[in-house]
Amino acid sequence: MQRSNLFVDAKLVIYQITNTKYEFPHYGFKSVQGYGDMVAKGLISEDEYKAFTADMDYLASSGDYLFCITTFIYVPKRAEDITAHVLLPAQEIHRFGSLPQSPP
C-alpha cells in the first residue's frame, strides 16, 4: 500500500466504554434500545427483540449486567506543507500549486 503522507505523527487512542447499569442515559442502554430499529427493518422479530431486552432487564436486576465496548480512534496531524511531504505525479501538481523549488 502506498502511503500518502498527508498526515504525520499519528497516534492511536483506545477509548473504552464500560457500563454496569442498564438505564438511561448510559451508552449500553441506548444501544440496546436502538436495536429496535432492527425490528422495523425486518432483521429480527419483535419477539426476539423483547426476549433480548428482557434478558438485559434480568441481568440488570440481578447485578450481573456489564456492557463494554472498545473504540480505536486514529488521531493524525495534518502535514504542515503538503507539497513537502508528498511525491505527486506531474498531472496532480496543479491541484496543490507548484512544488517548492530546491535551493540554488
Protein backbone atom coordinates (compact mmCIF):
# COMPACT_ATOMS: atom_id res chain seq x y z
CA MET A 1 0.00 0.00 0.00
CA GLN A 2 1.30 3.45 -0.89
CA ARG A 3 1.26 6.00 1.91
CA SER A 4 0.00 9.46 1.05
CA ASN A 5 1.94 11.24 3.81
CA LEU A 6 -0.94 13.69 4.14
CA PHE A 7 -0.88 13.07 7.87
CA VAL A 8 2.11 12.75 10.17
CA ASP A 9 2.76 11.98 13.83
CA ALA A 10 -0.36 9.85 14.15
CA LYS A 11 -1.34 8.26 17.41
CA LEU A 12 -3.87 5.61 18.29
CA VAL A 13 -6.24 6.39 21.15
CA ILE A 14 -8.07 3.47 22.73
CA TYR A 15 -11.33 4.51 24.32
CA GLN A 16 -13.33 2.02 26.34
CA ILE A 17 -16.93 2.46 27.43
CA THR A 18 -17.99 0.31 30.36
CA ASN A 19 -21.47 0.39 31.92
CA THR A 20 -22.61 -1.62 34.93
CA LYS A 21 -26.07 -0.03 34.97
CA TYR A 22 -28.70 -0.78 32.35
CA GLU A 23 -30.57 2.52 32.39
CA PHE A 24 -30.84 5.81 30.54
CA PRO A 25 -28.60 7.71 29.69
CA HIS A 26 -25.88 5.03 29.65
CA TYR A 27 -24.49 4.09 26.25
CA GLY A 28 -25.21 0.36 26.64
CA PHE A 29 -28.87 1.02 27.41
CA LYS A 30 -29.24 3.38 24.45
CA SER A 31 -27.52 0.84 22.18
CA VAL A 32 -29.91 -1.94 23.16
CA GLN A 33 -32.89 0.37 22.68
CA GLY A 34 -31.51 1.19 19.24
CA TYR A 35 -31.73 -2.48 18.31
CA GLY A 36 -35.47 -1.83 18.00
CA ASP A 37 -34.63 -0.38 14.59
CA MET A 38 -33.70 -3.90 13.54
CA VAL A 39 -37.29 -4.95 14.12
CA ALA A 40 -38.56 -2.15 11.89
CA LYS A 41 -36.15 -3.25 9.15
CA GLY A 42 -37.18 -6.91 9.46
CA LEU A 43 -33.74 -8.07 10.57
CA ILE A 44 -35.06 -9.60 13.81
CA SER A 45 -38.56 -10.34 15.03
CA GLU A 46 -40.28 -8.29 17.70
CA ASP A 47 -40.33 -11.40 19.92
CA GLU A 48 -36.55 -11.76 19.59
CA TYR A 49 -36.08 -8.11 20.50
CA LYS A 50 -38.40 -8.37 23.52
CA ALA A 51 -36.61 -11.52 24.70
CA PHE A 52 -33.24 -9.81 24.38
CA THR A 53 -34.32 -6.69 26.29
CA ALA A 54 -35.92 -8.93 28.94
CA ASP A 55 -32.55 -10.66 29.33
CA MET A 56 -30.87 -7.27 29.80
CA ASP A 57 -33.51 -6.27 32.39
CA TYR A 58 -32.92 -9.54 34.26
CA LEU A 59 -29.14 -9.10 34.25
CA ALA A 60 -29.51 -5.52 35.49
CA SER A 61 -31.87 -6.50 38.31
CA SER A 62 -29.57 -9.33 39.44
CA GLY A 63 -26.47 -7.09 39.38
CA ASP A 64 -24.86 -9.11 36.59
CA TYR A 65 -25.18 -6.59 33.75
CA LEU A 66 -21.98 -5.45 32.07
CA PHE A 67 -21.69 -3.55 28.81
CA CYS A 68 -18.23 -2.95 27.42
CA ILE A 69 -17.14 -1.70 24.02
CA THR A 70 -13.70 -0.67 22.86
CA THR A 71 -13.24 2.00 20.21
CA PHE A 72 -9.96 2.67 18.43
CA ILE A 73 -9.53 6.26 17.29
CA TYR A 74 -6.74 7.19 14.89
CA VAL A 75 -5.67 10.78 15.57
CA PRO A 76 -3.29 12.16 12.94
CA LYS A 77 -1.83 15.62 12.47
CA ARG A 78 -2.05 17.11 9.00
CA ALA A 79 1.32 17.75 7.42
CA GLU A 80 2.04 21.49 7.54
CA ASP A 81 3.21 21.78 3.97
CA ILE A 82 1.58 19.06 1.91
CA THR A 83 3.96 19.55 -1.02
CA ALA A 84 6.99 18.99 1.22
CA HIS A 85 5.70 15.58 2.32
CA VAL A 86 4.01 14.14 -0.76
CA LEU A 87 5.52 12.96 -4.01
CA LEU A 88 2.92 13.72 -6.66
CA PRO A 89 2.72 12.65 -10.28
CA ALA A 90 3.14 15.62 -12.62
CA GLN A 91 -0.57 15.71 -13.53
CA GLU A 92 -1.51 16.12 -9.86
CA ILE A 93 0.74 19.11 -9.15
CA HIS A 94 -1.86 21.57 -10.48
CA ARG A 95 -4.23 20.57 -7.67
CA PHE A 96 -1.86 21.94 -4.99
CA GLY A 97 0.05 24.65 -6.88
CA SER A 98 3.68 24.38 -7.80
CA LEU A 99 6.11 22.32 -5.82
CA PRO A 100 8.72 24.21 -3.78
CA GLN A 101 11.90 24.90 -5.67
CA SER A 102 15.17 23.41 -4.49
CA PRO A 103 17.60 25.97 -3.09
CA PRO A 104 20.24 27.08 -5.64
